[in-house]
Amino acid sequence: MLEKINQSVAFIREKTNFNPEVGIILGTGLGGLVREINIEHSLNYQDIPNFPVSTVEGHQGRLILGTLAGKKVIAMQGRFHYYEGYTMQEVTFPVRVMKFLGIKQLIVSNASGGVNPNFEIGDIMIITDHINLMPNPLIGKNYDELGPRFPDMSDAYDKNLVEKAENIAHKLGVKVQKGTYVGVTGPTLETPSEYVYFRTIGGDTVGMSTVPEVIIARHMHLPCFAISIITDLGVPGKIVKVTHEEVQHIASQSEPKMTQIIKSLVGEL
């Protein structure tokens, strides 16, 4: 693991000579934030040693390095998912690499299904906690150089960053929700009974990403901020059939508001 991380870091440093301060992971249909970045370097995942390759529509598969709101950032334009057949260690590997490149915070975005009856399609939700129903990415050998065997997760989503983002949204006039994200493996979308279950156990949204990346980031003591766009509803009476293309379309409609929040948040870090 450590050798692979160091190989990837060495390659990126050789190609870019860039020292990022903030890491950003962009979810389904949310790659538009890249347009706000003053791009200095762009690397295809397939060219980076040990990196997986994105196989899902809506995930470009590029590592972007540049400046956003005056900060040096490294952005994943496309992420990896467990349902693609990768191991959890492969899914989260880029987070390890970004940490070794020097990032001090991690910002994650995703598209998710709302199970809170107060949510509407297109809402933006700041994640304040999660429920992990996926295999934990820390199962297996622990490397003390990366983090502790039993990392604390009582503060998975940094309260200071959540408060900053709330204040930013208020100033921008953007309505935001807050809540708990339930992480599942996918790739099937949920049954009506599963939606009820996720709500019953305390979830507000459900999705197939984010949680593994946050667990790995917290293992390495990286503060995390995560934000969801609600692209469909798993609320009794509001459940309709939905396709991945429709999820992408809805995400892209709300994405400019999310981009405003993230850009302003980065500027305040």
C-alpha atoms as a PDB file:
ATOM      1  CA  MET A   1       0.000   0.000   0.000  1.00  0.00           C
ATOM      2  CA  LEU A   2       2.628   2.552   1.067  1.00  0.00           C
ATOM      3  CA  GLU A   3       4.813   1.716  -1.918  1.00  0.00           C
ATOM      4  CA  LYS A   4       1.895   2.205  -4.329  1.00  0.00           C
ATOM      5  CA  ILE A   5       0.945   5.524  -2.715  1.00  0.00           C
ATOM      6  CA  ASN A   6       4.512   6.767  -2.997  1.00  0.00           C
ATOM      7  CA  GLN A   7       4.696   5.680  -6.662  1.00  0.00           C
ATOM      8  CA  SER A   8       1.566   7.627  -7.527  1.00  0.00           C
ATOM      9  CA  VAL A   9       2.688  10.678  -5.543  1.00  0.00           C
ATOM     10  CA  ALA A  10       6.118  10.646  -7.201  1.00  0.00           C
ATOM     11  CA  PHE A  11       4.529  10.496 -10.672  1.00  0.00           C
ATOM     12  CA  ILE A  12       2.129  13.375  -9.984  1.00  0.00           C
ATOM     13  CA  ARG A  13       4.876  15.525  -8.476  1.00  0.00           C
ATOM     14  CA  GLU A  14       7.190  14.837 -11.397  1.00  0.00           C
ATOM     15  CA  LYS A  15       4.496  15.788 -13.909  1.00  0.00           C
ATOM     16  CA  THR A  16       3.140  18.841 -12.101  1.00  0.00           C
ATOM     17  CA  ASN A  17       5.470  20.172  -9.376  1.00  0.00           C
ATOM     18  CA  PHE A  18       2.272  21.249  -7.610  1.00  0.00           C
ATOM     19  CA  ASN A  19       1.513  21.359  -3.874  1.00  0.00           C
ATOM     20  CA  PRO A  20      -2.279  21.281  -3.318  1.00  0.00           C
ATOM     21  CA  GLU A  21      -3.915  22.604  -0.152  1.00  0.00           C
ATOM     22  CA  VAL A  22      -7.445  21.266  -0.653  1.00  0.00           C
ATOM     23  CA  GLY A  23      -8.731  18.018  -2.160  1.00  0.00           C
ATOM     24  CA  ILE A  24     -12.084  17.897  -3.956  1.00  0.00           C
ATOM     25  CA  ILE A  25     -14.039  14.858  -5.174  1.00  0.00           C
ATOM     26  CA  LEU A  26     -16.774  15.582  -7.726  1.00  0.00           C
ATOM     27  CA  GLY A  27     -19.751  13.228  -8.002  1.00  0.00           C
ATOM     28  CA  THR A  28     -22.207  12.209 -10.726  1.00  0.00           C
ATOM     29  CA  GLY A  29     -23.094  15.149 -12.963  1.00  0.00           C
ATOM     30  CA  LEU A  30     -21.167  17.535 -10.718  1.00  0.00           C
ATOM     31  CA  GLY A  31     -17.971  18.013 -12.693  1.00  0.00           C
ATOM     32  CA  GLY A  32     -18.878  21.599 -13.602  1.00  0.00           C
ATOM     33  CA  LEU A  33     -16.893  22.980 -10.671  1.00  0.00           C
ATOM     34  CA  VAL A  34     -13.829  22.315 -12.805  1.00  0.00           C
ATOM     35  CA  ARG A  35     -14.832  25.288 -14.974  1.00  0.00           C
ATOM     36  CA  GLU A  36     -14.200  27.527 -11.952  1.00  0.00           C
ATOM     37  CA  ILE A  37     -10.672  26.180 -11.452  1.00  0.00           C
ATOM     38  CA  ASN A  38      -7.737  27.955 -13.053  1.00  0.00           C
ATOM     39  CA  ILE A  39      -6.281  24.699 -14.353  1.00  0.00           C
ATOM     40  CA  GLU A  40      -2.531  24.326 -14.329  1.00  0.00           C
ATOM     41  CA  HIS A  41      -2.341  20.563 -14.867  1.00  0.00           C
ATOM     42  CA  SER A  42      -4.709  17.801 -15.955  1.00  0.00           C
ATOM     43  CA  LEU A  43      -3.846  14.109 -15.693  1.00  0.00           C
ATOM     44  CA  ASN A  44      -5.901  11.194 -16.963  1.00  0.00           C
ATOM     45  CA  TYR A  45      -6.424   8.509 -14.339  1.00  0.00           C
ATOM     46  CA  GLN A  46      -5.231   5.850 -16.759  1.00  0.00           C
ATOM     47  CA  ASP A  47      -1.812   7.536 -16.902  1.00  0.00           C
ATOM     48  CA  ILE A  48      -1.292   7.640 -13.117  1.00  0.00           C
ATOM     49  CA  PRO A  49       0.401   4.563 -11.640  1.00  0.00           C
ATOM     50  CA  ASN A  50      -1.928   2.414  -9.490  1.00  0.00           C
ATOM     51  CA  PHE A  51      -5.020   4.570 -10.157  1.00  0.00           C
ATOM     52  CA  PRO A  52      -8.269   2.821 -11.097  1.00  0.00           C
ATOM     53  CA  VAL A  53     -10.230   4.142 -14.086  1.00  0.00           C
ATOM     54  CA  SER A  54     -13.751   5.590 -13.921  1.00  0.00           C
ATOM     55  CA  THR A  55     -16.266   3.406 -15.757  1.00  0.00           C
ATOM     56  CA  VAL A  56     -19.486   5.308 -14.968  1.00  0.00           C
ATOM     57  CA  GLU A  57     -21.142   7.827 -17.276  1.00  0.00           C
ATOM     58  CA  GLY A  58     -20.853  11.324 -15.821  1.00  0.00           C
ATOM     59  CA  HIS A  59     -17.392  10.689 -14.362  1.00  0.00           C
ATOM     60  CA  GLN A  60     -14.684  12.172 -16.595  1.00  0.00           C
ATOM     61  CA  GLY A  61     -11.703  10.367 -15.111  1.00  0.00           C
ATOM     62  CA  ARG A  62      -9.252  13.231 -14.751  1.00  0.00           C
ATOM     63  CA  LEU A  63      -7.176  14.655 -11.928  1.00  0.00           C
ATOM     64  CA  ILE A  64      -7.278  18.458 -12.081  1.00  0.00           C
ATOM     65  CA  LEU A  65      -4.675  20.639 -10.379  1.00  0.00           C
ATOM     66  CA  GLY A  66      -4.985  24.411 -10.219  1.00  0.00           C
ATOM     67  CA  THR A  67      -6.280  27.344  -8.195  1.00  0.00           C
ATOM     68  CA  LEU A  68      -9.826  27.953  -6.959  1.00  0.00           C
ATOM     69  CA  ALA A  69     -10.743  31.068  -4.972  1.00  0.00           C
ATOM     70  CA  GLY A  70      -7.043  31.725  -4.424  1.00  0.00           C
ATOM     71  CA  LYS A  71      -6.284  28.245  -3.053  1.00  0.00           C
ATOM     72  CA  LYS A  72      -4.293  25.451  -4.646  1.00  0.00           C
ATOM     73  CA  VAL A  73      -6.652  22.532  -5.196  1.00  0.00           C
ATOM     74  CA  ILE A  74      -6.538  19.019  -6.557  1.00  0.00           C
ATOM     75  CA  ALA A  75      -9.899  17.830  -7.901  1.00  0.00           C
ATOM     76  CA  MET A  76     -11.041  14.384  -8.927  1.00  0.00           C
ATOM     77  CA  GLN A  77     -13.305  14.854 -11.928  1.00  0.00           C
ATOM     78  CA  GLY A  78     -14.943  11.477 -11.481  1.00  0.00           C
ATOM     79  CA  ARG A  79     -14.635   8.980  -8.645  1.00  0.00           C
ATOM     80  CA  PHE A  80     -14.585   5.221  -8.191  1.00  0.00           C
ATOM     81  CA  HIS A  81     -17.308   3.023  -6.718  1.00  0.00           C
ATOM     82  CA  TYR A  82     -17.397  -0.370  -5.055  1.00  0.00           C
ATOM     83  CA  TYR A  83     -20.091  -1.514  -7.513  1.00  0.00           C
ATOM     84  CA  GLU A  84     -17.654  -1.083 -10.398  1.00  0.00           C
ATOM     85  CA  GLY A  85     -15.822  -4.131  -9.088  1.00  0.00           C
ATOM     86  CA  TYR A  86     -12.987  -2.307  -7.360  1.00  0.00           C
ATOM     87  CA  THR A  87     -11.948  -3.179  -3.838  1.00  0.00           C
ATOM     88  CA  MET A  88     -12.633  -0.603  -1.148  1.00  0.00           C
ATOM     89  CA  GLN A  89      -8.888  -0.001  -0.967  1.00  0.00           C
ATOM     90  CA  GLU A  90      -8.864   0.835  -4.684  1.00  0.00           C
ATOM     91  CA  VAL A  91     -11.966   3.036  -4.388  1.00  0.00           C
ATOM     92  CA  THR A  92     -10.324   5.144  -1.682  1.00  0.00           C
ATOM     93  CA  PHE A  93      -6.732   5.025  -2.935  1.00  0.00           C
ATOM     94  CA  PRO A  94      -6.819   8.550  -4.459  1.00  0.00           C
ATOM     95  CA  VAL A  95      -7.673  10.033  -1.045  1.00  0.00           C
ATOM     96  CA  ARG A  96      -4.467   8.518   0.327  1.00  0.00           C
ATOM     97  CA  VAL A  97      -2.533  10.008  -2.572  1.00  0.00           C
ATOM     98  CA  MET A  98      -4.044  13.480  -2.118  1.00  0.00           C
ATOM     99  CA  LYS A  99      -3.140  13.411   1.565  1.00  0.00           C
ATOM    100  CA  PHE A 100       0.463  12.506   0.747  1.00  0.00           C
ATOM    101  CA  LEU A 101       0.524  15.341  -1.805  1.00  0.00           C
ATOM    102  CA  GLY A 102      -0.218  17.723   1.058  1.00  0.00           C
ATOM    103  CA  ILE A 103      -3.938  18.506   1.217  1.00  0.00           C
ATOM    104  CA  LYS A 104      -5.226  19.819   4.558  1.00  0.00           C
ATOM    105  CA  GLN A 105      -8.999  19.397   3.939  1.00  0.00           C
ATOM    106  CA  LEU A 106     -11.177  17.134   1.796  1.00  0.00           C
ATOM    107  CA  ILE A 107     -14.402  18.317   0.130  1.00  0.00           C
ATOM    108  CA  VAL A 108     -16.721  15.667  -1.332  1.00  0.00           C
ATOM    109  CA  SER A 109     -19.859  15.999  -3.454  1.00  0.00           C
ATOM    110  CA  ASN A 110     -22.428  13.484  -4.633  1.00  0.00           C
ATOM    111  CA  ALA A 111     -25.877  12.946  -6.098  1.00  0.00           C
ATOM    112  CA  SER A 112     -28.216  11.092  -3.764  1.00  0.00           C
ATOM    113  CA  GLY A 113     -31.797   9.977  -3.221  1.00  0.00           C
ATOM    114  CA  GLY A 114     -33.785  11.797  -0.564  1.00  0.00           C
ATOM    115  CA  VAL A 115     -35.680   9.777   2.057  1.00  0.00           C
ATOM    116  CA  ASN A 116     -36.579  12.746   4.252  1.00  0.00           C
ATOM    117  CA  PRO A 117     -40.194  13.742   3.444  1.00  0.00           C
ATOM    118  CA  ASN A 118     -39.266  17.414   3.823  1.00  0.00           C
ATOM    119  CA  PHE A 119     -36.816  17.223   0.911  1.00  0.00           C
ATOM    120  CA  GLU A 120     -37.552  18.058  -2.717  1.00  0.00           C
ATOM    121  CA  ILE A 121     -35.798  17.084  -5.925  1.00  0.00           C
ATOM    122  CA  GLY A 122     -32.971  19.530  -6.579  1.00  0.00           C
ATOM    123  CA  ASP A 123     -32.388  20.336  -2.902  1.00  0.00           C
ATOM    124  CA  ILE A 124     -28.817  20.701  -1.676  1.00  0.00           C
ATOM    125  CA  MET A 125     -27.969  18.909   1.564  1.00  0.00           C
ATOM    126  CA  ILE A 126     -24.890  19.445   3.721  1.00  0.00           C
ATOM    127  CA  ILE A 127     -23.926  16.094   5.213  1.00  0.00           C
ATOM    128  CA  THR A 128     -23.546  16.173   8.990  1.00  0.00           C
ATOM    129  CA  ASP A 129     -23.188  12.428   9.600  1.00  0.00           C
ATOM    130  CA  HIS A 130     -23.379   9.096   7.806  1.00  0.00           C
ATOM    131  CA  ILE A 131     -24.502   5.498   8.249  1.00  0.00           C
ATOM    132  CA  ASN A 132     -22.190   3.010   6.587  1.00  0.00           C
ATOM    133  CA  LEU A 133     -23.855  -0.034   5.012  1.00  0.00           C
ATOM    134  CA  MET A 134     -20.850  -0.826   2.806  1.00  0.00           C
ATOM    135  CA  PRO A 135     -17.772  -2.925   3.593  1.00  0.00           C
ATOM    136  CA  ASN A 136     -15.452  -0.738   5.653  1.00  0.00           C
ATOM    137  CA  PRO A 137     -12.370   0.317   3.631  1.00  0.00           C
ATOM    138  CA  LEU A 138     -10.173  -0.093   6.726  1.00  0.00           C
ATOM    139  CA  ILE A 139     -10.782  -3.838   6.972  1.00  0.00           C
ATOM    140  CA  GLY A 140      -7.443  -5.614   6.630  1.00  0.00           C
ATOM    141  CA  LYS A 141      -3.895  -4.704   7.587  1.00  0.00           C
ATOM    142  CA  ASN A 142      -3.550  -1.318   9.276  1.00  0.00           C
ATOM    143  CA  TYR A 143      -0.572   0.862   8.421  1.00  0.00           C
ATOM    144  CA  ASP A 144       0.360   2.978  11.423  1.00  0.00           C
ATOM    145  CA  GLU A 145       2.003   5.468   9.048  1.00  0.00           C
ATOM    146  CA  LEU A 146      -1.467   6.201   7.643  1.00  0.00           C
ATOM    147  CA  GLY A 147      -3.567   6.243  10.795  1.00  0.00           C
ATOM    148  CA  PRO A 148      -4.722   4.349  13.900  1.00  0.00           C
ATOM    149  CA  ARG A 149      -6.209   0.851  13.928  1.00  0.00           C
ATOM    150  CA  PHE A 150      -9.456   2.135  15.481  1.00  0.00           C
ATOM    151  CA  PRO A 151     -10.076   5.684  14.217  1.00  0.00           C
ATOM    152  CA  ASP A 152     -12.715   7.799  15.947  1.00  0.00           C
ATOM    153  CA  MET A 153     -15.672   8.767  13.749  1.00  0.00           C
ATOM    154  CA  SER A 154     -17.614  10.988  16.168  1.00  0.00           C
ATOM    155  CA  ASP A 155     -16.632  14.041  14.109  1.00  0.00           C
ATOM    156  CA  ALA A 156     -16.591  12.589  10.596  1.00  0.00           C
ATOM    157  CA  TYR A 157     -17.885  15.831   9.061  1.00  0.00           C
ATOM    158  CA  ASP A 158     -16.093  18.887  10.382  1.00  0.00           C
ATOM    159  CA  LYS A 159     -18.533  21.077  12.328  1.00  0.00           C
ATOM    160  CA  ASN A 160     -16.563  24.240  11.588  1.00  0.00           C
ATOM    161  CA  LEU A 161     -16.729  23.595   7.832  1.00  0.00           C
ATOM    162  CA  VAL A 162     -20.456  22.819   8.075  1.00  0.00           C
ATOM    163  CA  GLU A 163     -21.069  26.122   9.864  1.00  0.00           C
ATOM    164  CA  LYS A 164     -19.001  28.052   7.312  1.00  0.00           C
ATOM    165  CA  ALA A 165     -20.943  26.462   4.443  1.00  0.00           C
ATOM    166  CA  GLU A 166     -24.284  27.250   6.083  1.00  0.00           C
ATOM    167  CA  ASN A 167     -23.295  30.903   6.485  1.00  0.00           C
ATOM    168  CA  ILE A 168     -22.098  31.031   2.879  1.00  0.00           C
ATOM    169  CA  ALA A 169     -25.369  29.536   1.594  1.00  0.00           C
ATOM    170  CA  HIS A 170     -27.341  32.087   3.629  1.00  0.00           C
ATOM    171  CA  LYS A 171     -25.320  34.976   2.168  1.00  0.00           C
ATOM    172  CA  LEU A 172     -25.800  33.590  -1.352  1.00  0.00           C
ATOM    173  CA  GLY A 173     -29.514  33.102  -0.806  1.00  0.00           C
ATOM    174  CA  VAL A 174     -29.214  29.363  -1.481  1.00  0.00           C
ATOM    175  CA  LYS A 175     -31.541  27.072   0.461  1.00  0.00           C
ATOM    176  CA  VAL A 176     -29.695  24.151   2.022  1.00  0.00           C
ATOM    177  CA  GLN A 177     -30.772  21.148   4.038  1.00  0.00           C
ATOM    178  CA  LYS A 178     -28.665  19.249   6.567  1.00  0.00           C
ATOM    179  CA  GLY A 179     -28.763  15.572   7.359  1.00  0.00           C
ATOM    180  CA  THR A 180     -27.389  12.047   7.468  1.00  0.00           C
ATOM    181  CA  TYR A 181     -26.207  10.195   4.377  1.00  0.00           C
ATOM    182  CA  VAL A 182     -26.679   6.421   4.153  1.00  0.00           C
ATOM    183  CA  GLY A 183     -23.928   4.739   2.125  1.00  0.00           C
ATOM    184  CA  VAL A 184     -24.904   1.569   0.211  1.00  0.00           C
ATOM    185  CA  THR A 185     -23.081  -0.532  -2.368  1.00  0.00           C
ATOM    186  CA  GLY A 186     -25.492  -0.251  -5.320  1.00  0.00           C
ATOM    187  CA  PRO A 187     -25.615  -0.457  -8.266  1.00  0.00           C
ATOM    188  CA  THR A 188     -29.356  -1.131  -7.998  1.00  0.00           C
ATOM    189  CA  LEU A 189     -31.501   1.802  -7.024  1.00  0.00           C
ATOM    190  CA  GLU A 190     -33.488   1.148  -3.888  1.00  0.00           C
ATOM    191  CA  THR A 191     -36.790  -0.669  -3.395  1.00  0.00           C
ATOM    192  CA  PRO A 192     -39.657   1.151  -1.647  1.00  0.00           C
ATOM    193  CA  SER A 193     -39.110  -0.987   1.463  1.00  0.00           C
ATOM    194  CA  GLU A 194     -35.400  -0.192   1.479  1.00  0.00           C
ATOM    195  CA  TYR A 195     -36.217   3.524   1.345  1.00  0.00           C
ATOM    196  CA  VAL A 196     -38.473   3.109   4.381  1.00  0.00           C
ATOM    197  CA  TYR A 197     -35.700   1.204   6.173  1.00  0.00           C
ATOM    198  CA  PHE A 198     -33.097   3.906   5.491  1.00  0.00           C
ATOM    199  CA  ARG A 199     -35.432   6.551   6.852  1.00  0.00           C
ATOM    200  CA  THR A 200     -36.283   4.418   9.889  1.00  0.00           C
ATOM    201  CA  ILE A 201     -32.620   3.979  10.860  1.00  0.00           C
ATOM    202  CA  GLY A 202     -32.013   7.732  10.721  1.00  0.00           C
ATOM    203  CA  GLY A 203     -31.099   8.523   7.122  1.00  0.00           C
ATOM    204  CA  ASP A 204     -32.039  11.626   5.156  1.00  0.00           C
ATOM    205  CA  THR A 205     -30.420  10.629   1.864  1.00  0.00           C
ATOM    206  CA  VAL A 206     -28.979   7.459   0.358  1.00  0.00           C
ATOM    207  CA  GLY A 207     -26.171   7.007  -2.138  1.00  0.00           C
ATOM    208  CA  MET A 208     -23.351   4.792  -3.367  1.00  0.00           C
ATOM    209  CA  SER A 209     -20.242   6.818  -2.575  1.00  0.00           C
ATOM    210  CA  THR A 210     -18.687   9.366  -0.183  1.00  0.00           C
ATOM    211  CA  VAL A 211     -18.693   7.266   3.001  1.00  0.00           C
ATOM    212  CA  PRO A 212     -15.593   5.162   2.129  1.00  0.00           C
ATOM    213  CA  GLU A 213     -13.656   8.273   1.108  1.00  0.00           C
ATOM    214  CA  VAL A 214     -14.577  10.104   4.305  1.00  0.00           C
ATOM    215  CA  ILE A 215     -13.613   7.099   6.445  1.00  0.00           C
ATOM    216  CA  ILE A 216     -10.181   6.981   4.810  1.00  0.00           C
ATOM    217  CA  ALA A 217      -9.741  10.749   5.143  1.00  0.00           C
ATOM    218  CA  ARG A 218     -10.613  10.661   8.836  1.00  0.00           C
ATOM    219  CA  HIS A 219      -8.248   7.708   9.303  1.00  0.00           C
ATOM    220  CA  MET A 220      -5.529  10.152   8.194  1.00  0.00           C
ATOM    221  CA  HIS A 221      -6.944  13.003  10.348  1.00  0.00           C
ATOM    222  CA  LEU A 222      -8.148  15.034   7.357  1.00  0.00           C
ATOM    223  CA  PRO A 223     -11.117  17.340   8.125  1.00  0.00           C
ATOM    224  CA  CYS A 224     -14.008  16.588   5.759  1.00  0.00           C
ATOM    225  CA  PHE A 225     -16.908  18.498   4.249  1.00  0.00           C
ATOM    226  CA  ALA A 226     -19.506  16.773   2.075  1.00  0.00           C
ATOM    227  CA  ILE A 227     -22.531  17.971   0.152  1.00  0.00           C
ATOM    228  CA  SER A 228     -25.324  16.174  -1.736  1.00  0.00           C
ATOM    229  CA  ILE A 229     -27.728  17.148  -4.468  1.00  0.00           C
ATOM    230  CA  ILE A 230     -31.058  15.361  -4.091  1.00  0.00           C
ATOM    231  CA  THR A 231     -31.771  13.927  -7.541  1.00  0.00           C
ATOM    232  CA  ASP A 232     -34.713  11.634  -6.717  1.00  0.00           C
ATOM    233  CA  LEU A 233     -37.037  10.882  -3.820  1.00  0.00           C
ATOM    234  CA  GLY A 234     -37.497   7.660  -1.889  1.00  0.00           C
ATOM    235  CA  VAL A 235     -40.500   8.966   0.004  1.00  0.00           C
ATOM    236  CA  PRO A 236     -43.762   6.970   0.023  1.00  0.00           C
ATOM    237  CA  GLY A 237     -46.125   8.515  -2.514  1.00  0.00           C
ATOM    238  CA  LYS A 238     -43.285  10.298  -4.334  1.00  0.00           C
ATOM    239  CA  ILE A 239     -41.290   7.309  -5.605  1.00  0.00           C
ATOM    240  CA  VAL A 240     -41.011   7.123  -9.391  1.00  0.00           C
ATOM    241  CA  LYS A 241     -38.803   5.096 -11.697  1.00  0.00           C
ATOM    242  CA  VAL A 242     -35.546   6.916 -12.323  1.00  0.00           C
ATOM    243  CA  THR A 243     -32.609   6.351 -14.673  1.00  0.00           C
ATOM    244  CA  HIS A 244     -28.942   7.247 -14.286  1.00  0.00           C
ATOM    245  CA  GLU A 245     -29.370   9.749 -17.119  1.00  0.00           C
ATOM    246  CA  GLU A 246     -32.158  11.515 -15.228  1.00  0.00           C
ATOM    247  CA  VAL A 247     -29.992  11.620 -12.096  1.00  0.00           C
ATOM    248  CA  GLN A 248     -27.204  13.260 -14.114  1.00  0.00           C
ATOM    249  CA  HIS A 249     -29.619  15.810 -15.597  1.00  0.00           C
ATOM    250  CA  ILE A 250     -31.093  16.848 -12.250  1.00  0.00           C
ATOM    251  CA  ALA A 251     -27.641  17.033 -10.655  1.00  0.00           C
ATOM    252  CA  SER A 252     -26.419  19.313 -13.432  1.00  0.00           C
ATOM    253  CA  GLN A 253     -29.367  21.679 -12.883  1.00  0.00           C
ATOM    254  CA  SER A 254     -28.570  22.240  -9.188  1.00  0.00           C
ATOM    255  CA  GLU A 255     -24.819  22.035  -9.651  1.00  0.00           C
ATOM    256  CA  PRO A 256     -24.230  25.818 -10.124  1.00  0.00           C
ATOM    257  CA  LYS A 257     -25.557  26.507  -6.611  1.00  0.00           C
ATOM    258  CA  MET A 258     -23.382  23.763  -5.130  1.00  0.00           C
ATOM    259  CA  THR A 259     -20.405  25.143  -7.047  1.00  0.00           C
ATOM    260  CA  GLN A 260     -20.987  28.600  -5.551  1.00  0.00           C
ATOM    261  CA  ILE A 261     -20.978  27.162  -2.039  1.00  0.00           C
ATOM    262  CA  ILE A 262     -17.845  25.048  -2.540  1.00  0.00           C
ATOM    263  CA  LYS A 263     -15.944  27.859  -4.274  1.00  0.00           C
ATOM    264  CA  SER A 264     -16.732  30.291  -1.463  1.00  0.00           C
ATOM    265  CA  LEU A 265     -15.911  27.675   1.191  1.00  0.00           C
ATOM    266  CA  VAL A 266     -12.523  26.993  -0.391  1.00  0.00           C
ATOM    267  CA  GLY A 267     -11.847  30.729  -0.362  1.00  0.00           C
ATOM    268  CA  GLU A 268     -12.422  30.836   3.405  1.00  0.00           C
ATOM    269  CA  LEU A 269     -10.138  27.913   4.267  1.00  0.00           C
END
